[in-house]
Amino acid sequence: MSYRSSAQAFSEFMDSTIWDDILQELNAWLDDVHKILEDPSGDAGEKALYRLGGNAETIRNVMRMPEVIRDSIIEDRKEVSEEVSEE
C-alpha cells in the first residue's frame, strides 16, 4: 500500500495531544464494552457477546493503526533501499 505521509509524520502524530485525545475516547469505548461483557447481571445473548468482542477487537486495532502504518512505511522504504543497493 502507498501512503502519502512519512514515518516521521506518523511518529509526530502519535506523540500529539490530538492522538492522546483520540486514545482517551477509544479507551472509554473499550471500557464500556468491558463493563457490558463483565456484567454478571447482564442478559446479553450469545450474538451480542460476539458482537461486543468484535467491537473490542476493532477498537484495539484502531488504537494500533498509526504505529502499524508508520512501521509499514519504514519497512517499505527499507525494501526499496535494499533493492537500490543490490543494483
PDB file of N, CA and C in Angstrom:
ATOM      1  N   MET A   1       0.840  -1.161   0.000  1.00  0.00           N
ATOM      2  CA  MET A   1       0.000   0.000   0.000  1.00  0.00           C
ATOM      3  C   MET A   1       0.897   1.239   0.000  1.00  0.00           C
ATOM      4  N   SER A   2       0.433   2.270  -0.637  1.00  0.00           N
ATOM      5  CA  SER A   2       1.200   3.506  -0.737  1.00  0.00           C
ATOM      6  C   SER A   2       0.591   4.554   0.192  1.00  0.00           C
ATOM      7  N   TYR A   3       1.438   5.175   1.008  1.00  0.00           N
ATOM      8  CA  TYR A   3       0.991   6.211   1.935  1.00  0.00           C
ATOM      9  C   TYR A   3       1.574   7.551   1.517  1.00  0.00           C
ATOM     10  N   ARG A   4       0.813   8.605   1.710  1.00  0.00           N
ATOM     11  CA  ARG A   4       1.280   9.940   1.356  1.00  0.00           C
ATOM     12  C   ARG A   4       2.079  10.573   2.485  1.00  0.00           C
ATOM     13  N   SER A   5       1.893  10.101   3.697  1.00  0.00           N
ATOM     14  CA  SER A   5       2.600  10.655   4.855  1.00  0.00           C
ATOM     15  C   SER A   5       3.906   9.926   5.083  1.00  0.00           C
ATOM     16  N   SER A   6       4.784  10.572   5.811  1.00  0.00           N
ATOM     17  CA  SER A   6       6.068   9.954   6.141  1.00  0.00           C
ATOM     18  C   SER A   6       5.969   9.239   7.486  1.00  0.00           C
ATOM     19  N   ALA A   7       6.940   8.373   7.743  1.00  0.00           N
ATOM     20  CA  ALA A   7       7.015   7.697   9.033  1.00  0.00           C
ATOM     21  C   ALA A   7       7.178   8.743  10.135  1.00  0.00           C
ATOM     22  N   GLN A   8       7.963   9.778   9.866  1.00  0.00           N
ATOM     23  CA  GLN A   8       8.163  10.852  10.836  1.00  0.00           C
ATOM     24  C   GLN A   8       6.842  11.548  11.168  1.00  0.00           C
ATOM     25  N   ALA A   9       6.014  11.784  10.155  1.00  0.00           N
ATOM     26  CA  ALA A   9       4.719  12.432  10.390  1.00  0.00           C
ATOM     27  C   ALA A   9       3.846  11.564  11.293  1.00  0.00           C
ATOM     28  N   PHE A  10       3.877  10.253  11.087  1.00  0.00           N
ATOM     29  CA  PHE A  10       3.101   9.361  11.950  1.00  0.00           C
ATOM     30  C   PHE A  10       3.664   9.338  13.363  1.00  0.00           C
ATOM     31  N   SER A  11       4.982   9.381  13.497  1.00  0.00           N
ATOM     32  CA  SER A  11       5.583   9.427  14.833  1.00  0.00           C
ATOM     33  C   SER A  11       5.166  10.709  15.558  1.00  0.00           C
ATOM     34  N   GLU A  12       5.188  11.825  14.838  1.00  0.00           N
ATOM     35  CA  GLU A  12       4.772  13.095  15.435  1.00  0.00           C
ATOM     36  C   GLU A  12       3.298  13.060  15.817  1.00  0.00           C
ATOM     37  N   PHE A  13       2.470  12.462  14.958  1.00  0.00           N
ATOM     38  CA  PHE A  13       1.044  12.341  15.251  1.00  0.00           C
ATOM     39  C   PHE A  13       0.821  11.511  16.514  1.00  0.00           C
ATOM     40  N   MET A  14       1.560  10.396  16.641  1.00  0.00           N
ATOM     41  CA  MET A  14       1.389   9.530  17.804  1.00  0.00           C
ATOM     42  C   MET A  14       1.835  10.226  19.090  1.00  0.00           C
ATOM     43  N   ASP A  15       2.706  11.220  18.985  1.00  0.00           N
ATOM     44  CA  ASP A  15       3.160  11.983  20.148  1.00  0.00           C
ATOM     45  C   ASP A  15       2.288  13.212  20.413  1.00  0.00           C
ATOM     46  N   SER A  16       1.287  13.442  19.568  1.00  0.00           N
ATOM     47  CA  SER A  16       0.486  14.663  19.666  1.00  0.00           C
ATOM     48  C   SER A  16      -0.634  14.551  20.703  1.00  0.00           C
ATOM     49  N   THR A  17      -1.096  15.704  21.136  1.00  0.00           N
ATOM     50  CA  THR A  17      -2.236  15.740  22.058  1.00  0.00           C
ATOM     51  C   THR A  17      -3.522  15.312  21.349  1.00  0.00           C
ATOM     52  N   ILE A  18      -3.574  15.512  20.041  1.00  0.00           N
ATOM     53  CA  ILE A  18      -4.753  15.065  19.283  1.00  0.00           C
ATOM     54  C   ILE A  18      -4.886  13.553  19.399  1.00  0.00           C
ATOM     55  N   TRP A  19      -3.790  12.819  19.178  1.00  0.00           N
ATOM     56  CA  TRP A  19      -3.832  11.360  19.275  1.00  0.00           C
ATOM     57  C   TRP A  19      -4.118  10.938  20.716  1.00  0.00           C
ATOM     58  N   ASP A  20      -3.559  11.656  21.683  1.00  0.00           N
ATOM     59  CA  ASP A  20      -3.866  11.355  23.090  1.00  0.00           C
ATOM     60  C   ASP A  20      -5.361  11.493  23.363  1.00  0.00           C
ATOM     61  N   ASP A  21      -5.981  12.531  22.818  1.00  0.00           N
ATOM     62  CA  ASP A  21      -7.419  12.720  23.000  1.00  0.00           C
ATOM     63  C   ASP A  21      -8.213  11.595  22.337  1.00  0.00           C
ATOM     64  N   ILE A  22      -7.800  11.206  21.137  1.00  0.00           N
ATOM     65  CA  ILE A  22      -8.472  10.109  20.436  1.00  0.00           C
ATOM     66  C   ILE A  22      -8.329   8.821  21.236  1.00  0.00           C
ATOM     67  N   LEU A  23      -7.122   8.545  21.725  1.00  0.00           N
ATOM     68  CA  LEU A  23      -6.903   7.343  22.531  1.00  0.00           C
ATOM     69  C   LEU A  23      -7.750   7.355  23.799  1.00  0.00           C
ATOM     70  N   GLN A  24      -7.877   8.517  24.414  1.00  0.00           N
ATOM     71  CA  GLN A  24      -8.705   8.634  25.607  1.00  0.00           C
ATOM     72  C   GLN A  24     -10.144   8.233  25.289  1.00  0.00           C
ATOM     73  N   GLU A  25     -10.662   8.707  24.178  1.00  0.00           N
ATOM     74  CA  GLU A  25     -12.032   8.365  23.778  1.00  0.00           C
ATOM     75  C   GLU A  25     -12.157   6.874  23.440  1.00  0.00           C
ATOM     76  N   LEU A  26     -11.188   6.346  22.700  1.00  0.00           N
ATOM     77  CA  LEU A  26     -11.225   4.925  22.361  1.00  0.00           C
ATOM     78  C   LEU A  26     -11.132   4.050  23.613  1.00  0.00           C
ATOM     79  N   ASN A  27     -10.321   4.454  24.565  1.00  0.00           N
ATOM     80  CA  ASN A  27     -10.237   3.709  25.822  1.00  0.00           C
ATOM     81  C   ASN A  27     -11.561   3.746  26.578  1.00  0.00           C
ATOM     82  N   ALA A  28     -12.261   4.865  26.525  1.00  0.00           N
ATOM     83  CA  ALA A  28     -13.586   4.948  27.155  1.00  0.00           C
ATOM     84  C   ALA A  28     -14.552   3.980  26.471  1.00  0.00           C
ATOM     85  N   TRP A  29     -14.499   3.915  25.140  1.00  0.00           N
ATOM     86  CA  TRP A  29     -15.346   2.962  24.418  1.00  0.00           C
ATOM     87  C   TRP A  29     -15.023   1.538  24.836  1.00  0.00           C
ATOM     88  N   LEU A  30     -13.729   1.242  24.914  1.00  0.00           N
ATOM     89  CA  LEU A  30     -13.293  -0.101  25.288  1.00  0.00           C
ATOM     90  C   LEU A  30     -13.727  -0.432  26.716  1.00  0.00           C
ATOM     91  N   ASP A  31     -13.625   0.529  27.621  1.00  0.00           N
ATOM     92  CA  ASP A  31     -14.096   0.320  28.995  1.00  0.00           C
ATOM     93  C   ASP A  31     -15.585   0.012  29.023  1.00  0.00           C
ATOM     94  N   ASP A  32     -16.364   0.729  28.200  1.00  0.00           N
ATOM     95  CA  ASP A  32     -17.802   0.472  28.131  1.00  0.00           C
ATOM     96  C   ASP A  32     -18.087  -0.945  27.660  1.00  0.00           C
ATOM     97  N   VAL A  33     -17.357  -1.391  26.648  1.00  0.00           N
ATOM     98  CA  VAL A  33     -17.536  -2.758  26.148  1.00  0.00           C
ATOM     99  C   VAL A  33     -17.197  -3.760  27.243  1.00  0.00           C
ATOM    100  N   HIS A  34     -16.086  -3.534  27.933  1.00  0.00           N
ATOM    101  CA  HIS A  34     -15.675  -4.456  29.007  1.00  0.00           C
ATOM    102  C   HIS A  34     -16.701  -4.495  30.140  1.00  0.00           C
ATOM    103  N   LYS A  35     -17.258  -3.337  30.496  1.00  0.00           N
ATOM    104  CA  LYS A  35     -18.276  -3.298  31.552  1.00  0.00           C
ATOM    105  C   LYS A  35     -19.481  -4.140  31.177  1.00  0.00           C
ATOM    106  N   ILE A  36     -19.905  -4.036  29.942  1.00  0.00           N
ATOM    107  CA  ILE A  36     -21.064  -4.816  29.489  1.00  0.00           C
ATOM    108  C   ILE A  36     -20.727  -6.305  29.492  1.00  0.00           C
ATOM    109  N   LEU A  37     -19.538  -6.647  28.998  1.00  0.00           N
ATOM    110  CA  LEU A  37     -19.146  -8.058  28.946  1.00  0.00           C
ATOM    111  C   LEU A  37     -18.967  -8.660  30.330  1.00  0.00           C
ATOM    112  N   GLU A  38     -18.533  -7.855  31.292  1.00  0.00           N
ATOM    113  CA  GLU A  38     -18.257  -8.365  32.633  1.00  0.00           C
ATOM    114  C   GLU A  38     -19.440  -8.253  33.575  1.00  0.00           C
ATOM    115  N   ASP A  39     -20.566  -7.691  33.129  1.00  0.00           N
ATOM    116  CA  ASP A  39     -21.734  -7.503  33.981  1.00  0.00           C
ATOM    117  C   ASP A  39     -22.410  -8.842  34.249  1.00  0.00           C
ATOM    118  N   PRO A  40     -22.314  -9.351  35.491  1.00  0.00           N
ATOM    119  CA  PRO A  40     -22.906 -10.654  35.790  1.00  0.00           C
ATOM    120  C   PRO A  40     -24.429 -10.644  35.723  1.00  0.00           C
ATOM    121  N   SER A  41     -25.039  -9.481  35.853  1.00  0.00           N
ATOM    122  CA  SER A  41     -26.499  -9.417  35.803  1.00  0.00           C
ATOM    123  C   SER A  41     -27.005  -9.175  34.387  1.00  0.00           C
ATOM    124  N   GLY A  42     -26.082  -8.984  33.462  1.00  0.00           N
ATOM    125  CA  GLY A  42     -26.474  -8.702  32.079  1.00  0.00           C
ATOM    126  C   GLY A  42     -27.135  -9.909  31.436  1.00  0.00           C
ATOM    127  N   ASP A  43     -28.051  -9.640  30.551  1.00  0.00           N
ATOM    128  CA  ASP A  43     -28.735 -10.737  29.875  1.00  0.00           C
ATOM    129  C   ASP A  43     -28.466 -10.704  28.373  1.00  0.00           C
ATOM    130  N   ALA A  44     -27.259 -10.269  28.033  1.00  0.00           N
ATOM    131  CA  ALA A  44     -26.881 -10.215  26.615  1.00  0.00           C
ATOM    132  C   ALA A  44     -26.826 -11.633  26.061  1.00  0.00           C
ATOM    133  N   GLY A  45     -27.374 -11.793  24.902  1.00  0.00           N
ATOM    134  CA  GLY A  45     -27.345 -13.096  24.258  1.00  0.00           C
ATOM    135  C   GLY A  45     -25.989 -13.389  23.655  1.00  0.00           C
ATOM    136  N   GLU A  46     -25.865 -14.610  23.160  1.00  0.00           N
ATOM    137  CA  GLU A  46     -24.590 -15.054  22.596  1.00  0.00           C
ATOM    138  C   GLU A  46     -24.161 -14.175  21.428  1.00  0.00           C
ATOM    139  N   LYS A  47     -25.085 -13.813  20.544  1.00  0.00           N
ATOM    140  CA  LYS A  47     -24.743 -12.960  19.406  1.00  0.00           C
ATOM    141  C   LYS A  47     -24.226 -11.604  19.871  1.00  0.00           C
ATOM    142  N   ALA A  48     -24.870 -11.049  20.905  1.00  0.00           N
ATOM    143  CA  ALA A  48     -24.441  -9.749  21.427  1.00  0.00           C
ATOM    144  C   ALA A  48     -23.034  -9.847  22.009  1.00  0.00           C
ATOM    145  N   LEU A  49     -22.735 -10.950  22.677  1.00  0.00           N
ATOM    146  CA  LEU A  49     -21.396 -11.126  23.247  1.00  0.00           C
ATOM    147  C   LEU A  49     -20.343 -11.200  22.156  1.00  0.00           C
ATOM    148  N   TYR A  50     -20.631 -11.935  21.080  1.00  0.00           N
ATOM    149  CA  TYR A  50     -19.689 -11.996  19.957  1.00  0.00           C
ATOM    150  C   TYR A  50     -19.499 -10.618  19.336  1.00  0.00           C
ATOM    151  N   ARG A  51     -20.595  -9.884  19.186  1.00  0.00           N
ATOM    152  CA  ARG A  51     -20.520  -8.550  18.599  1.00  0.00           C
ATOM    153  C   ARG A  51     -19.667  -7.626  19.475  1.00  0.00           C
ATOM    154  N   LEU A  52     -19.898  -7.681  20.786  1.00  0.00           N
ATOM    155  CA  LEU A  52     -19.119  -6.843  21.697  1.00  0.00           C
ATOM    156  C   LEU A  52     -17.640  -7.216  21.680  1.00  0.00           C
ATOM    157  N   GLY A  53     -17.361  -8.508  21.588  1.00  0.00           N
ATOM    158  CA  GLY A  53     -15.972  -8.948  21.470  1.00  0.00           C
ATOM    159  C   GLY A  53     -15.349  -8.416  20.194  1.00  0.00           C
ATOM    160  N   GLY A  54     -16.109  -8.443  19.114  1.00  0.00           N
ATOM    161  CA  GLY A  54     -15.642  -7.888  17.843  1.00  0.00           C
ATOM    162  C   GLY A  54     -15.430  -6.386  17.929  1.00  0.00           C
ATOM    163  N   ASN A  55     -16.326  -5.704  18.640  1.00  0.00           N
ATOM    164  CA  ASN A  55     -16.173  -4.257  18.833  1.00  0.00           C
ATOM    165  C   ASN A  55     -14.873  -3.956  19.578  1.00  0.00           C
ATOM    166  N   ALA A  56     -14.603  -4.723  20.623  1.00  0.00           N
ATOM    167  CA  ALA A  56     -13.371  -4.503  21.401  1.00  0.00           C
ATOM    168  C   ALA A  56     -12.146  -4.715  20.527  1.00  0.00           C
ATOM    169  N   GLU A  57     -12.166  -5.755  19.698  1.00  0.00           N
ATOM    170  CA  GLU A  57     -11.032  -6.028  18.808  1.00  0.00           C
ATOM    171  C   GLU A  57     -10.840  -4.884  17.809  1.00  0.00           C
ATOM    172  N   THR A  58     -11.933  -4.384  17.268  1.00  0.00           N
ATOM    173  CA  THR A  58     -11.868  -3.281  16.312  1.00  0.00           C
ATOM    174  C   THR A  58     -11.284  -2.030  16.969  1.00  0.00           C
ATOM    175  N   ILE A  59     -11.720  -1.731  18.171  1.00  0.00           N
ATOM    176  CA  ILE A  59     -11.207  -0.555  18.885  1.00  0.00           C
ATOM    177  C   ILE A  59      -9.704  -0.692  19.109  1.00  0.00           C
ATOM    178  N   ARG A  60      -9.265  -1.881  19.533  1.00  0.00           N
ATOM    179  CA  ARG A  60      -7.825  -2.091  19.755  1.00  0.00           C
ATOM    180  C   ARG A  60      -7.049  -1.950  18.445  1.00  0.00           C
ATOM    181  N   ASN A  61      -7.622  -2.424  17.326  1.00  0.00           N
ATOM    182  CA  ASN A  61      -6.952  -2.284  16.026  1.00  0.00           C
ATOM    183  C   ASN A  61      -6.815  -0.819  15.632  1.00  0.00           C
ATOM    184  N   VAL A  62      -7.840  -0.020  15.866  1.00  0.00           N
ATOM    185  CA  VAL A  62      -7.778   1.410  15.551  1.00  0.00           C
ATOM    186  C   VAL A  62      -6.714   2.084  16.412  1.00  0.00           C
ATOM    187  N   MET A  63      -6.604   1.644  17.660  1.00  0.00           N
ATOM    188  CA  MET A  63      -5.616   2.223  18.568  1.00  0.00           C
ATOM    189  C   MET A  63      -4.184   1.936  18.098  1.00  0.00           C
ATOM    190  N   ARG A  64      -3.987   0.842  17.397  1.00  0.00           N
ATOM    191  CA  ARG A  64      -2.660   0.474  16.893  1.00  0.00           C
ATOM    192  C   ARG A  64      -2.387   1.000  15.479  1.00  0.00           C
ATOM    193  N   MET A  65      -3.391   1.522  14.814  1.00  0.00           N
ATOM    194  CA  MET A  65      -3.286   1.877  13.402  1.00  0.00           C
ATOM    195  C   MET A  65      -2.125   2.811  13.067  1.00  0.00           C
ATOM    196  N   PRO A  66      -1.926   3.923  13.784  1.00  0.00           N
ATOM    197  CA  PRO A  66      -0.802   4.799  13.406  1.00  0.00           C
ATOM    198  C   PRO A  66       0.547   4.088  13.471  1.00  0.00           C
ATOM    199  N   GLU A  67       0.742   3.269  14.480  1.00  0.00           N
ATOM    200  CA  GLU A  67       2.008   2.541  14.608  1.00  0.00           C
ATOM    201  C   GLU A  67       2.175   1.528  13.480  1.00  0.00           C
ATOM    202  N   VAL A  68       1.099   0.841  13.120  1.00  0.00           N
ATOM    203  CA  VAL A  68       1.160  -0.150  12.039  1.00  0.00           C
ATOM    204  C   VAL A  68       1.502   0.536  10.717  1.00  0.00           C
ATOM    205  N   ILE A  69       0.850   1.661  10.441  1.00  0.00           N
ATOM    206  CA  ILE A  69       1.123   2.382   9.196  1.00  0.00           C
ATOM    207  C   ILE A  69       2.552   2.921   9.184  1.00  0.00           C
ATOM    208  N   ARG A  70       2.969   3.528  10.299  1.00  0.00           N
ATOM    209  CA  ARG A  70       4.348   4.041  10.379  1.00  0.00           C
ATOM    210  C   ARG A  70       5.362   2.935  10.123  1.00  0.00           C
ATOM    211  N   ASP A  71       5.162   1.791  10.772  1.00  0.00           N
ATOM    212  CA  ASP A  71       6.090   0.673  10.595  1.00  0.00           C
ATOM    213  C   ASP A  71       6.073   0.139   9.167  1.00  0.00           C
ATOM    214  N   SER A  72       4.909   0.159   8.541  1.00  0.00           N
ATOM    215  CA  SER A  72       4.797  -0.275   7.150  1.00  0.00           C
ATOM    216  C   SER A  72       5.576   0.664   6.231  1.00  0.00           C
ATOM    217  N   ILE A  73       5.475   1.966   6.481  1.00  0.00           N
ATOM    218  CA  ILE A  73       6.221   2.946   5.682  1.00  0.00           C
ATOM    219  C   ILE A  73       7.718   2.704   5.842  1.00  0.00           C
ATOM    220  N   ILE A  74       8.164   2.497   7.071  1.00  0.00           N
ATOM    221  CA  ILE A  74       9.584   2.249   7.334  1.00  0.00           C
ATOM    222  C   ILE A  74      10.037   0.981   6.625  1.00  0.00           C
ATOM    223  N   GLU A  75       9.254  -0.069   6.704  1.00  0.00           N
ATOM    224  CA  GLU A  75       9.609  -1.345   6.068  1.00  0.00           C
ATOM    225  C   GLU A  75       9.644  -1.204   4.548  1.00  0.00           C
ATOM    226  N   ASP A  76       8.655  -0.501   3.971  1.00  0.00           N
ATOM    227  CA  ASP A  76       8.646  -0.284   2.521  1.00  0.00           C
ATOM    228  C   ASP A  76       9.887   0.480   2.066  1.00  0.00           C
ATOM    229  N   ARG A  77      10.261   1.495   2.810  1.00  0.00           N
ATOM    230  CA  ARG A  77      11.442   2.291   2.452  1.00  0.00           C
ATOM    231  C   ARG A  77      12.711   1.460   2.586  1.00  0.00           C
ATOM    232  N   LYS A  78      12.741   0.579   3.588  1.00  0.00           N
ATOM    233  CA  LYS A  78      13.892  -0.292   3.785  1.00  0.00           C
ATOM    234  C   LYS A  78      14.047  -1.235   2.591  1.00  0.00           C
ATOM    235  N   GLU A  79      12.904  -1.793   2.128  1.00  0.00           N
ATOM    236  CA  GLU A  79      12.945  -2.713   0.985  1.00  0.00           C
ATOM    237  C   GLU A  79      13.403  -1.995  -0.274  1.00  0.00           C
ATOM    238  N   VAL A  80      12.911  -0.787  -0.492  1.00  0.00           N
ATOM    239  CA  VAL A  80      13.319  -0.013  -1.666  1.00  0.00           C
ATOM    240  C   VAL A  80      14.812   0.290  -1.591  1.00  0.00           C
ATOM    241  N   SER A  81      15.279   0.661  -0.413  1.00  0.00           N
ATOM    242  CA  SER A  81      16.698   0.952  -0.223  1.00  0.00           C
ATOM    243  C   SER A  81      17.559  -0.263  -0.490  1.00  0.00           C
ATOM    244  N   GLU A  82      17.107  -1.438  -0.039  1.00  0.00           N
ATOM    245  CA  GLU A  82      17.853  -2.679  -0.269  1.00  0.00           C
ATOM    246  C   GLU A  82      17.880  -3.024  -1.755  1.00  0.00           C
ATOM    247  N   GLU A  83      16.766  -2.798  -2.449  1.00  0.00           N
ATOM    248  CA  GLU A  83      16.723  -3.082  -3.880  1.00  0.00           C
ATOM    249  C   GLU A  83      17.704  -2.190  -4.639  1.00  0.00           C
ATOM    250  N   VAL A  84      17.750  -0.927  -4.256  1.00  0.00           N
ATOM    251  CA  VAL A  84      18.660   0.027  -4.901  1.00  0.00           C
ATOM    252  C   VAL A  84      20.114  -0.379  -4.609  1.00  0.00           C
ATOM    253  N   SER A  85      20.386  -0.836  -3.409  1.00  0.00           N
ATOM    254  CA  SER A  85      21.741  -1.239  -3.030  1.00  0.00           C
ATOM    255  C   SER A  85      22.220  -2.457  -3.818  1.00  0.00           C
ATOM    256  N   GLU A  86      21.294  -3.335  -4.144  1.00  0.00           N
ATOM    257  CA  GLU A  86      21.650  -4.563  -4.865  1.00  0.00           C
ATOM    258  C   GLU A  86      21.985  -4.271  -6.322  1.00  0.00           C
ATOM    259  N   GLU A  87      21.524  -3.154  -6.858  1.00  0.00           N
ATOM    260  CA  GLU A  87      21.772  -2.839  -8.269  1.00  0.00           C
ATOM    261  C   GLU A  87      23.099  -2.262  -8.456  1.00  0.00           C
TER     262      GLU A  87
END
